Amino acid sequence: MELEQRVAELERRLTALEGQDRENGGSPRLGDGDFWALDGLKQQLAAAGEAGADGGVLFTGAVRLPSGEQYEWQYGAFTGALLDGEGEDGEAPSDGGSAAADALAALGHPVRLRLLREILGGRRTAAELAALDAVGTTGQIYHHLRQLTGAGWLHTTGRGRYEVPAARVVPLLVVLTAAVP
């Protein structure tokens, strides 16, 4: 009898969640205080006055990788600067925005995404990466590693070792999160 009650309770909760999902256009309802980061951003924008009038974005993370490394990072930008293509200094980038396009293009290959995930997971040398299945030949792997390094997603630490720079770990995970529908 206890099992039947538990199953009935689970079914009731699932039905309630599915109903919320439909009401909210696919997103479950969040409780009070769940938007603490957004609330903090709104306060910062209000304090910024005219500069924050059009809004802004914030991304942040506290990450512990499988290798044990820990990263805490946050970044915010005003909407106007992002839409106008300005840098942090308010100036238009001299490259016409190609650095952003190159950084995103470097992530546009499944093998490169796999290599980044493996490197974040602790495989750091070209030899370790070459031992993986379905990543290509050694020459192809080096090509992908050069693309990722050139775009700033990786850097070499010597002797064929690669790592995601500390300031890029959370942004990389944010991009991966944003890419999943």
N, C-alpha and C. Protein backbone atom coordinates (compact mmCIF):
# COMPACT_ATOMS: atom_id res chain seq x y z
N MET A 1 0.82 -1.19 0.00
CA MET A 1 0.00 0.00 0.00
C MET A 1 0.88 1.26 0.00
N GLU A 2 1.98 1.26 0.74
CA GLU A 2 2.84 2.42 0.80
C GLU A 2 3.41 2.74 -0.59
N LEU A 3 3.77 1.73 -1.36
CA LEU A 3 4.30 1.94 -2.70
C LEU A 3 3.25 2.61 -3.59
N GLU A 4 2.00 2.18 -3.49
CA GLU A 4 0.94 2.78 -4.28
C GLU A 4 0.76 4.27 -3.94
N GLN A 5 0.86 4.61 -2.68
CA GLN A 5 0.73 6.01 -2.26
C GLN A 5 1.89 6.85 -2.80
N ARG A 6 3.09 6.28 -2.76
CA ARG A 6 4.24 7.00 -3.26
C ARG A 6 4.14 7.23 -4.77
N VAL A 7 3.70 6.21 -5.49
CA VAL A 7 3.54 6.36 -6.94
C VAL A 7 2.45 7.39 -7.24
N ALA A 8 1.34 7.35 -6.51
CA ALA A 8 0.27 8.32 -6.72
C ALA A 8 0.77 9.74 -6.44
N GLU A 9 1.56 9.93 -5.40
CA GLU A 9 2.11 11.24 -5.08
C GLU A 9 3.06 11.71 -6.19
N LEU A 10 3.91 10.82 -6.70
CA LEU A 10 4.80 11.18 -7.79
C LEU A 10 4.02 11.56 -9.05
N GLU A 11 2.96 10.83 -9.35
CA GLU A 11 2.13 11.15 -10.50
C GLU A 11 1.47 12.52 -10.33
N ARG A 12 0.99 12.81 -9.12
CA ARG A 12 0.37 14.10 -8.85
C ARG A 12 1.37 15.23 -9.06
N ARG A 13 2.58 15.05 -8.55
CA ARG A 13 3.61 16.08 -8.67
C ARG A 13 4.04 16.26 -10.13
N LEU A 14 4.13 15.18 -10.87
CA LEU A 14 4.49 15.27 -12.28
C LEU A 14 3.42 16.01 -13.06
N THR A 15 2.17 15.71 -12.78
CA THR A 15 1.07 16.40 -13.45
C THR A 15 1.10 17.89 -13.15
N ALA A 16 1.37 18.24 -11.89
CA ALA A 16 1.45 19.66 -11.51
C ALA A 16 2.61 20.35 -12.23
N LEU A 17 3.75 19.69 -12.32
CA LEU A 17 4.90 20.27 -13.01
C LEU A 17 4.62 20.43 -14.50
N GLU A 18 3.99 19.45 -15.10
CA GLU A 18 3.66 19.56 -16.52
C GLU A 18 2.69 20.71 -16.76
N GLY A 19 1.75 20.92 -15.85
CA GLY A 19 0.82 22.04 -15.96
C GLY A 19 1.54 23.37 -15.87
N GLN A 20 2.48 23.48 -14.94
CA GLN A 20 3.29 24.71 -14.81
C GLN A 20 4.09 24.93 -16.07
N ASP A 21 4.63 23.86 -16.63
CA ASP A 21 5.45 23.96 -17.82
C ASP A 21 4.65 24.57 -18.97
N ARG A 22 3.42 24.14 -19.14
CA ARG A 22 2.58 24.68 -20.20
C ARG A 22 2.21 26.14 -19.92
N GLU A 23 1.89 26.46 -18.67
CA GLU A 23 1.51 27.83 -18.31
C GLU A 23 2.64 28.82 -18.52
N ASN A 24 3.87 28.38 -18.30
CA ASN A 24 5.02 29.27 -18.34
C ASN A 24 5.80 29.18 -19.65
N GLY A 25 5.20 28.63 -20.68
CA GLY A 25 5.89 28.54 -21.96
C GLY A 25 7.11 27.65 -21.93
N GLY A 26 7.10 26.61 -21.13
CA GLY A 26 8.20 25.66 -21.10
C GLY A 26 9.10 25.76 -19.90
N SER A 27 8.95 26.79 -19.09
CA SER A 27 9.82 26.96 -17.93
C SER A 27 9.05 26.73 -16.64
N PRO A 28 9.61 25.99 -15.71
CA PRO A 28 8.94 25.83 -14.42
C PRO A 28 8.93 27.15 -13.67
N ARG A 29 7.95 27.33 -12.80
CA ARG A 29 7.90 28.54 -11.98
C ARG A 29 9.00 28.52 -10.95
N LEU A 30 9.53 29.67 -10.71
CA LEU A 30 10.57 29.80 -9.70
C LEU A 30 9.99 30.50 -8.49
N GLY A 31 10.50 30.16 -7.32
CA GLY A 31 10.01 30.73 -6.08
C GLY A 31 10.66 32.07 -5.78
N ASP A 32 10.20 32.69 -4.71
CA ASP A 32 10.76 33.96 -4.28
C ASP A 32 12.25 33.81 -4.01
N GLY A 33 12.99 34.79 -4.44
CA GLY A 33 14.43 34.78 -4.20
C GLY A 33 15.23 34.01 -5.24
N ASP A 34 14.56 33.38 -6.20
CA ASP A 34 15.29 32.61 -7.20
C ASP A 34 15.99 33.50 -8.21
N PHE A 35 15.62 34.76 -8.27
CA PHE A 35 16.24 35.68 -9.21
C PHE A 35 17.19 36.64 -8.50
N TRP A 36 17.92 36.16 -7.53
CA TRP A 36 18.80 37.01 -6.75
C TRP A 36 19.88 37.65 -7.62
N ALA A 37 20.41 36.93 -8.60
CA ALA A 37 21.42 37.52 -9.48
C ALA A 37 20.79 38.61 -10.35
N LEU A 38 19.61 38.34 -10.87
CA LEU A 38 18.91 39.32 -11.69
C LEU A 38 18.55 40.55 -10.87
N ASP A 39 18.07 40.33 -9.64
CA ASP A 39 17.74 41.45 -8.77
C ASP A 39 18.98 42.31 -8.49
N GLY A 40 20.11 41.66 -8.25
CA GLY A 40 21.35 42.40 -8.01
C GLY A 40 21.79 43.18 -9.24
N LEU A 41 21.62 42.57 -10.43
CA LEU A 41 21.96 43.27 -11.67
C LEU A 41 21.08 44.51 -11.83
N LYS A 42 19.79 44.38 -11.56
CA LYS A 42 18.88 45.52 -11.68
C LYS A 42 19.30 46.65 -10.74
N GLN A 43 19.73 46.31 -9.54
CA GLN A 43 20.19 47.33 -8.61
C GLN A 43 21.44 48.03 -9.13
N GLN A 44 22.37 47.24 -9.70
CA GLN A 44 23.59 47.81 -10.26
C GLN A 44 23.27 48.72 -11.45
N LEU A 45 22.32 48.31 -12.28
CA LEU A 45 21.94 49.12 -13.44
C LEU A 45 21.30 50.44 -12.99
N ALA A 46 20.45 50.37 -11.96
CA ALA A 46 19.83 51.58 -11.44
C ALA A 46 20.89 52.53 -10.89
N ALA A 47 21.89 51.98 -10.22
CA ALA A 47 22.96 52.80 -9.66
C ALA A 47 23.84 53.39 -10.76
N ALA A 48 23.89 52.73 -11.92
CA ALA A 48 24.73 53.21 -13.02
C ALA A 48 24.09 54.39 -13.75
N GLY A 49 22.81 54.64 -13.48
CA GLY A 49 22.13 55.78 -14.09
C GLY A 49 21.97 55.64 -15.59
N GLU A 50 22.38 56.67 -16.32
CA GLU A 50 22.21 56.71 -17.78
C GLU A 50 22.90 55.54 -18.47
N ALA A 51 24.09 55.16 -18.00
CA ALA A 51 24.84 54.07 -18.64
C ALA A 51 24.06 52.76 -18.58
N GLY A 52 23.28 52.56 -17.52
CA GLY A 52 22.53 51.32 -17.37
C GLY A 52 21.08 51.41 -17.79
N ALA A 53 20.70 52.52 -18.41
CA ALA A 53 19.29 52.76 -18.76
C ALA A 53 18.72 51.71 -19.69
N ASP A 54 19.54 51.19 -20.61
CA ASP A 54 19.04 50.19 -21.56
C ASP A 54 19.18 48.76 -21.07
N GLY A 55 19.72 48.60 -19.87
CA GLY A 55 19.84 47.27 -19.30
C GLY A 55 21.24 46.70 -19.46
N GLY A 56 21.35 45.45 -19.11
CA GLY A 56 22.64 44.79 -19.18
C GLY A 56 22.50 43.30 -19.00
N VAL A 57 23.58 42.61 -19.14
CA VAL A 57 23.62 41.17 -18.92
C VAL A 57 24.71 40.85 -17.91
N LEU A 58 24.51 39.75 -17.23
CA LEU A 58 25.45 39.28 -16.23
C LEU A 58 25.55 37.77 -16.36
N PHE A 59 26.77 37.26 -16.34
CA PHE A 59 26.91 35.83 -16.18
C PHE A 59 27.96 35.57 -15.12
N THR A 60 27.73 34.51 -14.40
CA THR A 60 28.56 34.22 -13.25
C THR A 60 28.60 32.72 -13.03
N GLY A 61 29.61 32.25 -12.35
CA GLY A 61 29.68 30.83 -12.07
C GLY A 61 30.70 30.52 -10.99
N ALA A 62 30.45 29.45 -10.28
CA ALA A 62 31.38 28.87 -9.32
C ALA A 62 31.51 27.41 -9.73
N VAL A 63 32.67 27.02 -10.22
CA VAL A 63 32.85 25.74 -10.90
C VAL A 63 33.97 24.94 -10.25
N ARG A 64 33.72 23.65 -10.05
CA ARG A 64 34.80 22.73 -9.68
C ARG A 64 34.86 21.69 -10.79
N LEU A 65 36.00 21.63 -11.46
CA LEU A 65 36.18 20.70 -12.56
C LEU A 65 36.51 19.31 -12.03
N PRO A 66 36.34 18.27 -12.85
CA PRO A 66 36.69 16.91 -12.43
C PRO A 66 38.14 16.79 -11.96
N SER A 67 39.01 17.68 -12.46
CA SER A 67 40.42 17.66 -12.07
C SER A 67 40.64 18.26 -10.68
N GLY A 68 39.57 18.84 -10.09
CA GLY A 68 39.66 19.44 -8.76
C GLY A 68 39.87 20.94 -8.78
N GLU A 69 40.20 21.51 -9.93
CA GLU A 69 40.40 22.95 -10.02
C GLU A 69 39.07 23.67 -9.79
N GLN A 70 39.15 24.81 -9.13
CA GLN A 70 37.96 25.59 -8.84
C GLN A 70 38.09 26.98 -9.44
N TYR A 71 36.98 27.47 -9.99
CA TYR A 71 36.95 28.79 -10.59
C TYR A 71 35.69 29.51 -10.14
N GLU A 72 35.86 30.77 -9.82
CA GLU A 72 34.72 31.64 -9.52
C GLU A 72 34.90 32.87 -10.39
N TRP A 73 33.83 33.25 -11.09
CA TRP A 73 33.98 34.30 -12.07
C TRP A 73 32.65 34.96 -12.33
N GLN A 74 32.67 36.26 -12.63
CA GLN A 74 31.46 36.94 -13.06
C GLN A 74 31.84 38.05 -14.02
N TYR A 75 30.88 38.38 -14.87
CA TYR A 75 31.11 39.43 -15.84
C TYR A 75 29.76 40.07 -16.16
N GLY A 76 29.77 41.35 -16.31
CA GLY A 76 28.56 42.06 -16.70
C GLY A 76 28.89 43.09 -17.77
N ALA A 77 27.91 43.38 -18.61
CA ALA A 77 28.10 44.38 -19.66
C ALA A 77 26.79 45.11 -19.89
N PHE A 78 26.89 46.38 -20.26
CA PHE A 78 25.71 47.14 -20.60
C PHE A 78 25.21 46.73 -21.98
N THR A 79 23.89 46.70 -22.13
CA THR A 79 23.28 46.30 -23.38
C THR A 79 23.74 47.16 -24.55
N GLY A 80 23.80 48.47 -24.34
CA GLY A 80 24.20 49.37 -25.42
C GLY A 80 25.56 49.03 -25.98
N ALA A 81 26.52 48.75 -25.10
CA ALA A 81 27.87 48.42 -25.55
C ALA A 81 27.88 47.12 -26.34
N LEU A 82 27.08 46.16 -25.93
CA LEU A 82 27.02 44.88 -26.65
C LEU A 82 26.39 45.04 -28.03
N LEU A 83 25.32 45.79 -28.10
CA LEU A 83 24.62 45.97 -29.38
C LEU A 83 25.38 46.89 -30.32
N ASP A 84 26.12 47.84 -29.77
CA ASP A 84 26.90 48.74 -30.60
C ASP A 84 28.24 48.14 -31.00
N GLY A 85 28.60 47.00 -30.40
CA GLY A 85 29.88 46.38 -30.71
C GLY A 85 31.06 47.07 -30.06
N GLU A 86 30.81 47.79 -28.96
CA GLU A 86 31.89 48.49 -28.26
C GLU A 86 32.58 47.56 -27.28
N GLY A 87 33.83 47.85 -27.01
CA GLY A 87 34.57 47.14 -25.99
C GLY A 87 34.26 47.71 -24.62
N GLU A 88 34.95 47.19 -23.62
CA GLU A 88 34.74 47.66 -22.25
C GLU A 88 35.07 49.14 -22.10
N ASP A 89 35.97 49.64 -22.95
CA ASP A 89 36.39 51.04 -22.86
C ASP A 89 35.44 51.98 -23.61
N GLY A 90 34.37 51.44 -24.22
CA GLY A 90 33.41 52.25 -24.94
C GLY A 90 33.81 52.52 -26.39
N GLU A 91 34.98 52.03 -26.78
CA GLU A 91 35.46 52.23 -28.15
C GLU A 91 35.05 51.05 -29.02
N ALA A 92 34.82 51.32 -30.30
CA ALA A 92 34.51 50.25 -31.24
C ALA A 92 35.78 49.41 -31.43
N PRO A 93 35.64 48.08 -31.50
CA PRO A 93 36.83 47.24 -31.69
C PRO A 93 37.46 47.50 -33.04
N SER A 94 38.77 47.50 -33.08
CA SER A 94 39.49 47.80 -34.32
C SER A 94 39.33 46.68 -35.35
N ASP A 95 38.96 45.50 -34.90
CA ASP A 95 38.83 44.38 -35.83
C ASP A 95 37.42 44.25 -36.41
N GLY A 96 36.54 45.20 -36.13
CA GLY A 96 35.19 45.16 -36.67
C GLY A 96 34.35 44.04 -36.10
N GLY A 97 34.76 43.47 -34.99
CA GLY A 97 33.99 42.40 -34.36
C GLY A 97 34.42 41.01 -34.77
N SER A 98 35.50 40.91 -35.55
CA SER A 98 35.90 39.58 -36.02
C SER A 98 36.44 38.71 -34.90
N ALA A 99 36.94 39.28 -33.81
CA ALA A 99 37.43 38.47 -32.70
C ALA A 99 36.29 37.66 -32.10
N ALA A 100 35.13 38.29 -31.93
CA ALA A 100 33.97 37.57 -31.41
C ALA A 100 33.53 36.48 -32.38
N ALA A 101 33.52 36.81 -33.67
CA ALA A 101 33.14 35.81 -34.68
C ALA A 101 34.12 34.65 -34.68
N ASP A 102 35.41 34.94 -34.58
CA ASP A 102 36.42 33.88 -34.56
C ASP A 102 36.28 32.99 -33.32
N ALA A 103 36.02 33.62 -32.18
CA ALA A 103 35.87 32.84 -30.94
C ALA A 103 34.67 31.90 -31.03
N LEU A 104 33.57 32.40 -31.59
CA LEU A 104 32.38 31.56 -31.73
C LEU A 104 32.58 30.51 -32.82
N ALA A 105 33.24 30.88 -33.90
CA ALA A 105 33.48 29.91 -34.98
C ALA A 105 34.35 28.75 -34.50
N ALA A 106 35.30 29.05 -33.64
CA ALA A 106 36.18 27.99 -33.12
C ALA A 106 35.39 26.94 -32.35
N LEU A 107 34.27 27.34 -31.77
CA LEU A 107 33.43 26.40 -31.02
C LEU A 107 32.46 25.65 -31.92
N GLY A 108 32.44 25.98 -33.21
CA GLY A 108 31.45 25.43 -34.13
C GLY A 108 31.78 24.08 -34.70
N HIS A 109 32.72 23.36 -34.14
CA HIS A 109 33.07 22.03 -34.64
C HIS A 109 32.93 21.02 -33.50
N PRO A 110 32.24 19.91 -33.73
CA PRO A 110 32.01 18.95 -32.65
C PRO A 110 33.30 18.39 -32.03
N VAL A 111 34.33 18.20 -32.84
CA VAL A 111 35.58 17.68 -32.28
C VAL A 111 36.21 18.71 -31.36
N ARG A 112 36.14 19.99 -31.73
CA ARG A 112 36.71 21.02 -30.86
C ARG A 112 35.97 21.09 -29.53
N LEU A 113 34.65 20.99 -29.58
CA LEU A 113 33.89 20.97 -28.33
C LEU A 113 34.28 19.77 -27.48
N ARG A 114 34.46 18.64 -28.11
CA ARG A 114 34.86 17.44 -27.36
C ARG A 114 36.24 17.64 -26.75
N LEU A 115 37.17 18.19 -27.52
CA LEU A 115 38.52 18.43 -26.99
C LEU A 115 38.47 19.37 -25.79
N LEU A 116 37.67 20.43 -25.88
CA LEU A 116 37.54 21.36 -24.75
C LEU A 116 36.98 20.64 -23.52
N ARG A 117 35.95 19.83 -23.72
CA ARG A 117 35.37 19.09 -22.59
C ARG A 117 36.39 18.13 -21.98
N GLU A 118 37.15 17.47 -22.83
CA GLU A 118 38.17 16.54 -22.32
C GLU A 118 39.26 17.28 -21.56
N ILE A 119 39.66 18.44 -22.06
CA ILE A 119 40.69 19.23 -21.38
C ILE A 119 40.16 19.73 -20.04
N LEU A 120 38.91 20.19 -20.02
CA LEU A 120 38.32 20.60 -18.74
C LEU A 120 38.21 19.41 -17.78
N GLY A 121 38.05 18.21 -18.35
CA GLY A 121 37.94 17.01 -17.53
C GLY A 121 39.27 16.48 -17.03
N GLY A 122 40.39 17.03 -17.52
CA GLY A 122 41.69 16.62 -16.99
C GLY A 122 42.66 16.06 -18.00
N ARG A 123 42.21 15.74 -19.21
CA ARG A 123 43.15 15.30 -20.25
C ARG A 123 43.80 16.57 -20.80
N ARG A 124 45.09 16.71 -20.61
CA ARG A 124 45.73 17.98 -20.94
C ARG A 124 46.77 17.89 -22.04
N THR A 125 47.27 16.73 -22.36
CA THR A 125 48.32 16.65 -23.37
C THR A 125 47.76 16.22 -24.71
N ALA A 126 48.48 16.59 -25.77
CA ALA A 126 48.07 16.19 -27.11
C ALA A 126 48.05 14.67 -27.22
N ALA A 127 48.97 14.00 -26.55
CA ALA A 127 49.00 12.53 -26.59
C ALA A 127 47.75 11.93 -25.95
N GLU A 128 47.32 12.49 -24.83
CA GLU A 128 46.10 12.00 -24.17
C GLU A 128 44.88 12.23 -25.07
N LEU A 129 44.86 13.36 -25.72
CA LEU A 129 43.73 13.69 -26.60
C LEU A 129 43.74 12.81 -27.84
N ALA A 130 44.93 12.50 -28.37
CA ALA A 130 45.04 11.66 -29.55
C ALA A 130 44.59 10.23 -29.28
N ALA A 131 44.63 9.81 -28.03
CA ALA A 131 44.22 8.45 -27.67
C ALA A 131 42.69 8.29 -27.63
N LEU A 132 41.96 9.38 -27.72
CA LEU A 132 40.50 9.32 -27.70
C LEU A 132 39.98 8.78 -29.02
N ASP A 133 38.83 8.14 -28.96
CA ASP A 133 38.18 7.66 -30.17
C ASP A 133 37.47 8.81 -30.88
N ALA A 134 37.45 8.75 -32.20
CA ALA A 134 36.65 9.64 -33.05
C ALA A 134 37.02 11.11 -32.95
N VAL A 135 38.31 11.41 -32.73
CA VAL A 135 38.72 12.81 -32.75
C VAL A 135 39.66 13.10 -33.92
N GLY A 136 39.99 12.11 -34.70
CA GLY A 136 40.81 12.31 -35.88
C GLY A 136 42.26 11.93 -35.67
N THR A 137 43.04 12.26 -36.67
CA THR A 137 44.47 11.97 -36.63
C THR A 137 45.18 12.97 -35.74
N THR A 138 46.42 12.70 -35.44
CA THR A 138 47.21 13.63 -34.64
C THR A 138 47.28 15.00 -35.31
N GLY A 139 47.48 15.01 -36.63
CA GLY A 139 47.53 16.27 -37.36
C GLY A 139 46.21 17.04 -37.26
N GLN A 140 45.09 16.32 -37.35
CA GLN A 140 43.79 16.97 -37.22
C GLN A 140 43.58 17.53 -35.81
N ILE A 141 44.02 16.77 -34.82
CA ILE A 141 43.90 17.24 -33.44
C ILE A 141 44.70 18.52 -33.23
N TYR A 142 45.93 18.54 -33.74
CA TYR A 142 46.75 19.76 -33.62
C TYR A 142 46.10 20.93 -34.35
N HIS A 143 45.47 20.67 -35.48
CA HIS A 143 44.76 21.73 -36.20
C HIS A 143 43.65 22.31 -35.31
N HIS A 144 42.86 21.43 -34.70
CA HIS A 144 41.77 21.89 -33.82
C HIS A 144 42.33 22.63 -32.61
N LEU A 145 43.40 22.13 -32.03
CA LEU A 145 44.01 22.79 -30.87
C LEU A 145 44.53 24.19 -31.26
N ARG A 146 45.09 24.33 -32.46
CA ARG A 146 45.54 25.65 -32.92
C ARG A 146 44.36 26.60 -33.09
N GLN A 147 43.26 26.10 -33.64
CA GLN A 147 42.07 26.94 -33.80
C GLN A 147 41.58 27.43 -32.44
N LEU A 148 41.50 26.54 -31.47
CA LEU A 148 41.01 26.90 -30.14
C LEU A 148 41.98 27.83 -29.42
N THR A 149 43.27 27.62 -29.63
CA THR A 149 44.28 28.48 -29.02
C THR A 149 44.23 29.87 -29.65
N GLY A 150 44.12 29.93 -30.96
CA GLY A 150 44.06 31.21 -31.66
C GLY A 150 42.84 32.03 -31.27
N ALA A 151 41.75 31.34 -30.93
CA ALA A 151 40.52 32.04 -30.54
C ALA A 151 40.49 32.35 -29.05
N GLY A 152 41.51 31.93 -28.31
CA GLY A 152 41.59 32.25 -26.89
C GLY A 152 40.91 31.27 -25.96
N TRP A 153 40.39 30.17 -26.49
CA TRP A 153 39.73 29.18 -25.63
C TRP A 153 40.73 28.26 -24.95
N LEU A 154 41.93 28.19 -25.47
CA LEU A 154 43.00 27.37 -24.89
C LEU A 154 44.29 28.17 -24.87
N HIS A 155 45.21 27.73 -24.01
CA HIS A 155 46.59 28.17 -24.13
C HIS A 155 47.48 27.00 -23.75
N THR A 156 48.71 27.07 -24.20
CA THR A 156 49.65 25.98 -23.91
C THR A 156 50.38 26.31 -22.61
N THR A 157 50.65 25.25 -21.88
CA THR A 157 51.38 25.42 -20.63
C THR A 157 52.76 24.77 -20.71
N GLY A 158 53.17 24.43 -21.94
CA GLY A 158 54.48 23.83 -22.14
C GLY A 158 54.39 22.33 -22.34
N ARG A 159 55.35 21.80 -23.10
CA ARG A 159 55.46 20.36 -23.35
C ARG A 159 54.17 19.72 -23.86
N GLY A 160 53.50 20.40 -24.77
CA GLY A 160 52.31 19.83 -25.38
C GLY A 160 51.11 19.76 -24.46
N ARG A 161 51.13 20.54 -23.40
CA ARG A 161 50.00 20.56 -22.47
C ARG A 161 49.12 21.76 -22.77
N TYR A 162 47.82 21.55 -22.67
CA TYR A 162 46.84 22.59 -22.96
C TYR A 162 45.92 22.76 -21.77
N GLU A 163 45.43 23.99 -21.61
CA GLU A 163 44.40 24.23 -20.60
C GLU A 163 43.53 25.39 -21.05
N VAL A 164 42.32 25.41 -20.53
CA VAL A 164 41.42 26.53 -20.75
C VAL A 164 41.86 27.61 -19.77
N PRO A 165 42.16 28.82 -20.26
CA PRO A 165 42.58 29.89 -19.33
C PRO A 165 41.52 30.10 -18.25
N ALA A 166 41.96 30.39 -17.05
CA ALA A 166 41.04 30.55 -15.91
C ALA A 166 39.89 31.51 -16.21
N ALA A 167 40.19 32.62 -16.88
CA ALA A 167 39.15 33.62 -17.16
C ALA A 167 38.19 33.18 -18.27
N ARG A 168 38.45 32.01 -18.89
CA ARG A 168 37.58 31.53 -19.96
C ARG A 168 36.76 30.31 -19.57
N VAL A 169 37.01 29.73 -18.39
CA VAL A 169 36.29 28.52 -17.99
C VAL A 169 34.79 28.80 -17.86
N VAL A 170 34.41 29.76 -17.05
CA VAL A 170 32.99 30.06 -16.85
C VAL A 170 32.36 30.57 -18.15
N PRO A 171 33.00 31.51 -18.88
CA PRO A 171 32.39 31.93 -20.16
C PRO A 171 32.17 30.77 -21.13
N LEU A 172 33.11 29.83 -21.18
CA LEU A 172 32.93 28.67 -22.05
C LEU A 172 31.70 27.87 -21.63
N LEU A 173 31.55 27.64 -20.35
CA LEU A 173 30.39 26.90 -19.86
C LEU A 173 29.10 27.68 -20.09
N VAL A 174 29.15 29.00 -20.02
CA VAL A 174 27.98 29.82 -20.32
C VAL A 174 27.59 29.66 -21.79
N VAL A 175 28.59 29.72 -22.68
CA VAL A 175 28.31 29.57 -24.11
C VAL A 175 27.70 28.19 -24.37
N LEU A 176 28.25 27.16 -23.75
CA LEU A 176 27.71 25.81 -23.93
C LEU A 176 26.28 25.72 -23.40
N THR A 177 26.01 26.39 -22.27
CA THR A 177 24.66 26.42 -21.72
C THR A 177 23.71 27.13 -22.66
N ALA A 178 24.14 28.26 -23.21
CA ALA A 178 23.29 29.05 -24.10
C ALA A 178 23.03 28.33 -25.41
N ALA A 179 23.92 27.45 -25.82
CA ALA A 179 23.78 26.77 -27.11
C ALA A 179 22.78 25.62 -27.07
N VAL A 180 22.42 25.17 -25.88
CA VAL A 180 21.49 24.05 -25.75
C VAL A 180 20.08 24.59 -25.62
N PRO A 181 19.20 24.23 -26.58
CA PRO A 181 17.82 24.76 -26.53
C PRO A 181 17.07 24.26 -25.32
